[in-house]
Amino acid sequence: MDKHAESTRQLKVAKELQKHIAEIIRSKGMAAFAGALVSVSGVKVSPDLSVAKIYVSVFPSEKASAVMSIIQENIKALRGELGNKVAKQLRIVPEIVFYLDSSLDYVEHIEELLKK
């Protein structure tokens, strides 16, 4: 098996984490994130399931750095809420690391180029 391929377990855990973290973020509302729309675009989990990389996209993109700061300030609370939701499925709650998914910016940039 390709050593870079994710195991079925990793993919299942990632999908479950994505569902729950998206729910948590949605429940906070846009006001909690400087009025920006925050969506979880993907989750990747380390092979030992100890770290989850969570990719978020922010609209409008001008608010991305403010939103990422808010997320970093609240990372312990977010992980705590995530822990409450996945406690029955996972022995340990993975460390969570948030990354900005800039693919939306890329799409916007391509659309702008195509309009020219």
N, C-alpha and C. Protein backbone atom coordinates (compact mmCIF):
# COMPACT_ATOMS: atom_id res chain seq x y z
N MET A 1 0.84 -1.19 0.00
CA MET A 1 0.00 0.00 0.00
C MET A 1 0.89 1.26 0.00
N ASP A 2 0.44 2.27 -0.70
CA ASP A 2 1.17 3.54 -0.78
C ASP A 2 1.27 4.15 0.62
N LYS A 3 2.49 4.48 1.02
CA LYS A 3 2.65 5.00 2.38
C LYS A 3 1.99 6.38 2.57
N HIS A 4 1.69 7.06 1.46
CA HIS A 4 1.04 8.37 1.57
C HIS A 4 -0.48 8.26 1.59
N ALA A 5 -1.00 7.10 1.23
CA ALA A 5 -2.45 6.93 1.23
C ALA A 5 -2.97 6.90 2.66
N GLU A 6 -4.09 7.54 2.85
CA GLU A 6 -4.66 7.55 4.20
C GLU A 6 -5.43 6.25 4.43
N SER A 7 -5.34 5.76 5.63
CA SER A 7 -6.06 4.53 5.95
C SER A 7 -7.56 4.81 6.02
N THR A 8 -8.34 3.75 5.92
CA THR A 8 -9.80 3.88 6.01
C THR A 8 -10.17 4.50 7.34
N ARG A 9 -9.48 4.08 8.40
CA ARG A 9 -9.75 4.62 9.74
C ARG A 9 -9.48 6.13 9.77
N GLN A 10 -8.35 6.56 9.20
CA GLN A 10 -8.04 7.99 9.16
C GLN A 10 -9.14 8.76 8.44
N LEU A 11 -9.57 8.22 7.30
CA LEU A 11 -10.60 8.90 6.51
C LEU A 11 -11.92 8.98 7.27
N LYS A 12 -12.27 7.89 7.95
CA LYS A 12 -13.52 7.88 8.73
C LYS A 12 -13.45 8.89 9.88
N VAL A 13 -12.33 8.90 10.58
CA VAL A 13 -12.16 9.83 11.70
C VAL A 13 -12.18 11.26 11.18
N ALA A 14 -11.50 11.51 10.07
CA ALA A 14 -11.46 12.86 9.49
C ALA A 14 -12.86 13.33 9.12
N LYS A 15 -13.64 12.44 8.52
CA LYS A 15 -15.00 12.79 8.11
C LYS A 15 -15.87 13.12 9.34
N GLU A 16 -15.71 12.31 10.38
CA GLU A 16 -16.46 12.52 11.62
C GLU A 16 -16.06 13.85 12.27
N LEU A 17 -14.76 14.11 12.34
CA LEU A 17 -14.27 15.35 12.93
C LEU A 17 -14.76 16.56 12.13
N GLN A 18 -14.74 16.43 10.80
CA GLN A 18 -15.18 17.54 9.95
C GLN A 18 -16.65 17.87 10.23
N LYS A 19 -17.46 16.84 10.35
CA LYS A 19 -18.89 17.03 10.62
C LYS A 19 -19.08 17.78 11.95
N HIS A 20 -18.38 17.32 12.99
CA HIS A 20 -18.55 17.90 14.32
C HIS A 20 -17.98 19.31 14.42
N ILE A 21 -16.80 19.54 13.86
CA ILE A 21 -16.20 20.88 13.99
C ILE A 21 -17.01 21.89 13.17
N ALA A 22 -17.57 21.44 12.05
CA ALA A 22 -18.43 22.33 11.24
C ALA A 22 -19.68 22.71 12.04
N GLU A 23 -20.23 21.72 12.75
CA GLU A 23 -21.40 21.95 13.60
C GLU A 23 -21.08 22.97 14.70
N ILE A 24 -19.93 22.79 15.33
CA ILE A 24 -19.51 23.68 16.42
C ILE A 24 -19.36 25.11 15.89
N ILE A 25 -18.67 25.25 14.76
CA ILE A 25 -18.45 26.58 14.19
C ILE A 25 -19.78 27.21 13.77
N ARG A 26 -20.64 26.41 13.16
CA ARG A 26 -21.96 26.92 12.73
C ARG A 26 -22.77 27.39 13.95
N SER A 27 -22.69 26.64 15.04
CA SER A 27 -23.47 26.99 16.24
C SER A 27 -23.02 28.31 16.86
N LYS A 28 -21.79 28.70 16.62
CA LYS A 28 -21.27 29.97 17.17
C LYS A 28 -21.88 31.17 16.44
N GLY A 29 -22.21 30.98 15.17
CA GLY A 29 -22.78 32.07 14.38
C GLY A 29 -21.70 32.97 13.80
N MET A 30 -22.10 33.72 12.77
CA MET A 30 -21.15 34.60 12.08
C MET A 30 -20.62 35.70 12.98
N ALA A 31 -21.42 36.15 13.93
CA ALA A 31 -21.00 37.24 14.80
C ALA A 31 -19.73 36.88 15.57
N ALA A 32 -19.59 35.60 15.93
CA ALA A 32 -18.42 35.14 16.68
C ALA A 32 -17.15 35.20 15.84
N PHE A 33 -17.32 35.26 14.52
CA PHE A 33 -16.15 35.26 13.62
C PHE A 33 -16.09 36.56 12.82
N ALA A 34 -16.22 37.68 13.50
CA ALA A 34 -16.09 39.00 12.89
C ALA A 34 -17.05 39.20 11.72
N GLY A 35 -18.21 38.53 11.78
CA GLY A 35 -19.20 38.68 10.72
C GLY A 35 -18.88 37.93 9.44
N ALA A 36 -17.88 37.05 9.49
CA ALA A 36 -17.51 36.29 8.30
C ALA A 36 -18.19 34.93 8.29
N LEU A 37 -18.35 34.38 7.12
CA LEU A 37 -18.89 33.04 6.96
C LEU A 37 -17.70 32.08 6.98
N VAL A 38 -17.70 31.16 7.94
CA VAL A 38 -16.59 30.23 8.08
C VAL A 38 -17.10 28.83 7.78
N SER A 39 -16.43 28.14 6.85
CA SER A 39 -16.84 26.76 6.58
C SER A 39 -15.62 25.85 6.64
N VAL A 40 -15.85 24.63 7.07
CA VAL A 40 -14.77 23.65 7.19
C VAL A 40 -14.69 22.92 5.84
N SER A 41 -13.60 23.16 5.13
CA SER A 41 -13.49 22.60 3.78
C SER A 41 -12.82 21.23 3.76
N GLY A 42 -12.14 20.88 4.85
CA GLY A 42 -11.50 19.57 4.87
C GLY A 42 -10.80 19.31 6.19
N VAL A 43 -10.57 18.03 6.46
CA VAL A 43 -9.83 17.63 7.66
C VAL A 43 -8.90 16.49 7.27
N LYS A 44 -7.66 16.58 7.70
CA LYS A 44 -6.70 15.49 7.51
C LYS A 44 -6.21 15.06 8.88
N VAL A 45 -6.16 13.75 9.09
CA VAL A 45 -5.78 13.22 10.40
C VAL A 45 -4.46 12.46 10.26
N SER A 46 -3.58 12.64 11.24
CA SER A 46 -2.29 11.94 11.22
C SER A 46 -2.53 10.43 11.37
N PRO A 47 -1.57 9.61 10.91
CA PRO A 47 -1.75 8.16 10.98
C PRO A 47 -2.06 7.62 12.38
N ASP A 48 -1.51 8.25 13.42
CA ASP A 48 -1.78 7.79 14.79
C ASP A 48 -3.03 8.46 15.40
N LEU A 49 -3.72 9.25 14.58
CA LEU A 49 -4.96 9.94 14.98
C LEU A 49 -4.76 10.98 16.09
N SER A 50 -3.52 11.42 16.28
CA SER A 50 -3.27 12.35 17.39
C SER A 50 -3.37 13.81 16.97
N VAL A 51 -3.31 14.08 15.66
CA VAL A 51 -3.38 15.46 15.18
C VAL A 51 -4.38 15.55 14.03
N ALA A 52 -5.24 16.54 14.10
CA ALA A 52 -6.17 16.79 13.01
C ALA A 52 -5.88 18.17 12.44
N LYS A 53 -5.60 18.21 11.14
CA LYS A 53 -5.43 19.49 10.45
C LYS A 53 -6.78 19.86 9.88
N ILE A 54 -7.29 21.00 10.31
CA ILE A 54 -8.62 21.43 9.90
C ILE A 54 -8.48 22.63 8.97
N TYR A 55 -9.02 22.47 7.77
CA TYR A 55 -8.94 23.53 6.77
C TYR A 55 -10.25 24.28 6.74
N VAL A 56 -10.17 25.60 6.89
CA VAL A 56 -11.37 26.42 6.88
C VAL A 56 -11.28 27.46 5.76
N SER A 57 -12.42 27.73 5.16
CA SER A 57 -12.46 28.83 4.20
C SER A 57 -13.31 29.93 4.81
N VAL A 58 -12.92 31.15 4.50
CA VAL A 58 -13.55 32.32 5.10
C VAL A 58 -14.06 33.23 3.99
N PHE A 59 -15.31 33.65 4.13
CA PHE A 59 -15.87 34.57 3.16
C PHE A 59 -16.47 35.75 3.91
N PRO A 60 -16.19 36.99 3.60
CA PRO A 60 -15.25 37.41 2.56
C PRO A 60 -13.80 37.19 2.99
N SER A 61 -12.94 36.95 2.02
CA SER A 61 -11.55 36.58 2.32
C SER A 61 -10.77 37.70 3.03
N GLU A 62 -11.24 38.94 2.94
CA GLU A 62 -10.55 40.04 3.63
C GLU A 62 -10.56 39.83 5.15
N LYS A 63 -11.53 39.04 5.64
CA LYS A 63 -11.63 38.83 7.08
C LYS A 63 -10.87 37.60 7.55
N ALA A 64 -10.16 36.95 6.64
CA ALA A 64 -9.49 35.68 6.96
C ALA A 64 -8.52 35.79 8.14
N SER A 65 -7.67 36.81 8.15
CA SER A 65 -6.68 36.87 9.24
C SER A 65 -7.36 37.13 10.58
N ALA A 66 -8.41 37.96 10.59
CA ALA A 66 -9.15 38.21 11.84
C ALA A 66 -9.79 36.91 12.33
N VAL A 67 -10.39 36.17 11.41
CA VAL A 67 -11.06 34.91 11.77
C VAL A 67 -10.04 33.90 12.30
N MET A 68 -8.89 33.79 11.64
CA MET A 68 -7.88 32.83 12.09
C MET A 68 -7.38 33.19 13.49
N SER A 69 -7.28 34.49 13.79
CA SER A 69 -6.88 34.92 15.14
C SER A 69 -7.93 34.50 16.16
N ILE A 70 -9.20 34.70 15.82
CA ILE A 70 -10.29 34.33 16.73
C ILE A 70 -10.26 32.82 16.99
N ILE A 71 -10.05 32.06 15.93
CA ILE A 71 -9.99 30.59 16.07
C ILE A 71 -8.82 30.20 16.98
N GLN A 72 -7.65 30.80 16.76
CA GLN A 72 -6.47 30.47 17.58
C GLN A 72 -6.72 30.80 19.05
N GLU A 73 -7.37 31.94 19.30
CA GLU A 73 -7.65 32.34 20.69
C GLU A 73 -8.61 31.35 21.37
N ASN A 74 -9.45 30.69 20.57
CA ASN A 74 -10.48 29.81 21.11
C ASN A 74 -10.22 28.33 20.87
N ILE A 75 -8.98 28.00 20.50
CA ILE A 75 -8.69 26.63 20.09
C ILE A 75 -8.92 25.61 21.21
N LYS A 76 -8.59 25.99 22.45
CA LYS A 76 -8.80 25.06 23.58
C LYS A 76 -10.28 24.77 23.77
N ALA A 77 -11.10 25.81 23.70
CA ALA A 77 -12.55 25.65 23.87
C ALA A 77 -13.12 24.82 22.72
N LEU A 78 -12.65 25.09 21.50
CA LEU A 78 -13.13 24.33 20.34
C LEU A 78 -12.78 22.86 20.49
N ARG A 79 -11.55 22.58 20.93
CA ARG A 79 -11.13 21.19 21.12
C ARG A 79 -11.95 20.53 22.23
N GLY A 80 -12.26 21.30 23.27
CA GLY A 80 -13.08 20.79 24.37
C GLY A 80 -14.47 20.39 23.88
N GLU A 81 -15.08 21.26 23.07
CA GLU A 81 -16.40 20.96 22.53
C GLU A 81 -16.33 19.74 21.61
N LEU A 82 -15.28 19.69 20.82
CA LEU A 82 -15.08 18.54 19.92
C LEU A 82 -14.95 17.27 20.74
N GLY A 83 -14.22 17.35 21.83
CA GLY A 83 -14.03 16.21 22.72
C GLY A 83 -15.36 15.68 23.26
N ASN A 84 -16.25 16.60 23.62
CA ASN A 84 -17.56 16.19 24.11
C ASN A 84 -18.34 15.42 23.05
N LYS A 85 -18.18 15.81 21.80
CA LYS A 85 -18.93 15.18 20.71
C LYS A 85 -18.35 13.83 20.27
N VAL A 86 -17.02 13.68 20.36
CA VAL A 86 -16.40 12.44 19.85
C VAL A 86 -15.91 11.51 20.95
N ALA A 87 -16.19 11.85 22.19
CA ALA A 87 -15.69 11.05 23.32
C ALA A 87 -16.04 9.58 23.21
N LYS A 88 -17.22 9.29 22.69
CA LYS A 88 -17.65 7.89 22.59
C LYS A 88 -16.97 7.15 21.44
N GLN A 89 -16.54 7.89 20.41
CA GLN A 89 -15.92 7.24 19.24
C GLN A 89 -14.40 7.14 19.32
N LEU A 90 -13.78 8.12 19.99
CA LEU A 90 -12.32 8.16 20.00
C LEU A 90 -11.77 8.10 21.43
N ARG A 91 -10.68 7.35 21.59
CA ARG A 91 -10.04 7.29 22.91
C ARG A 91 -9.43 8.63 23.28
N ILE A 92 -8.71 9.22 22.32
CA ILE A 92 -8.12 10.52 22.60
C ILE A 92 -8.66 11.53 21.58
N VAL A 93 -8.84 12.74 22.04
CA VAL A 93 -9.27 13.82 21.14
C VAL A 93 -7.99 14.35 20.50
N PRO A 94 -7.93 14.36 19.19
CA PRO A 94 -6.69 14.83 18.55
C PRO A 94 -6.43 16.30 18.82
N GLU A 95 -5.15 16.65 18.79
CA GLU A 95 -4.78 18.06 18.81
C GLU A 95 -5.34 18.63 17.52
N ILE A 96 -5.87 19.84 17.56
CA ILE A 96 -6.40 20.40 16.33
C ILE A 96 -5.57 21.61 15.91
N VAL A 97 -5.29 21.66 14.61
CA VAL A 97 -4.51 22.75 14.04
C VAL A 97 -5.34 23.29 12.87
N PHE A 98 -5.59 24.58 12.89
CA PHE A 98 -6.40 25.18 11.83
C PHE A 98 -5.52 25.79 10.75
N TYR A 99 -5.93 25.59 9.52
CA TYR A 99 -5.25 26.17 8.36
C TYR A 99 -6.29 26.89 7.52
N LEU A 100 -5.86 27.98 6.91
CA LEU A 100 -6.75 28.71 6.02
C LEU A 100 -6.72 28.03 4.66
N ASP A 101 -7.87 27.67 4.16
CA ASP A 101 -7.98 27.07 2.83
C ASP A 101 -8.18 28.23 1.87
N SER A 102 -7.18 28.50 1.05
CA SER A 102 -7.28 29.65 0.16
C SER A 102 -7.76 29.26 -1.23
N SER A 103 -8.31 28.06 -1.39
CA SER A 103 -8.76 27.64 -2.72
C SER A 103 -9.89 28.53 -3.25
N LEU A 104 -10.71 29.08 -2.34
CA LEU A 104 -11.76 30.01 -2.80
C LEU A 104 -11.14 31.25 -3.42
N ASP A 105 -10.08 31.77 -2.79
CA ASP A 105 -9.38 32.92 -3.34
C ASP A 105 -8.83 32.58 -4.72
N TYR A 106 -8.32 31.37 -4.84
CA TYR A 106 -7.75 30.92 -6.11
C TYR A 106 -8.83 30.90 -7.19
N VAL A 107 -10.00 30.37 -6.84
CA VAL A 107 -11.12 30.31 -7.79
C VAL A 107 -11.53 31.72 -8.19
N GLU A 108 -11.63 32.63 -7.21
CA GLU A 108 -11.99 34.02 -7.52
C GLU A 108 -10.96 34.64 -8.45
N HIS A 109 -9.69 34.37 -8.18
CA HIS A 109 -8.61 34.91 -9.00
C HIS A 109 -8.72 34.40 -10.44
N ILE A 110 -8.96 33.12 -10.61
CA ILE A 110 -9.11 32.53 -11.95
C ILE A 110 -10.31 33.15 -12.66
N GLU A 111 -11.42 33.34 -11.93
CA GLU A 111 -12.61 33.95 -12.54
C GLU A 111 -12.30 35.37 -13.01
N GLU A 112 -11.54 36.12 -12.18
CA GLU A 112 -11.17 37.48 -12.57
C GLU A 112 -10.33 37.45 -13.85
N LEU A 113 -9.38 36.52 -13.90
CA LEU A 113 -8.53 36.41 -15.10
C LEU A 113 -9.34 36.07 -16.34
N LEU A 114 -10.33 35.21 -16.16
CA LEU A 114 -11.15 34.78 -17.30
C LEU A 114 -12.06 35.91 -17.82
N LYS A 115 -12.39 36.84 -16.93
CA LYS A 115 -13.25 37.95 -17.34
C LYS A 115 -12.51 38.96 -18.22
N LYS A 116 -11.18 38.98 -18.10
CA LYS A 116 -10.38 39.99 -18.82
C LYS A 116 -10.35 39.70 -20.32
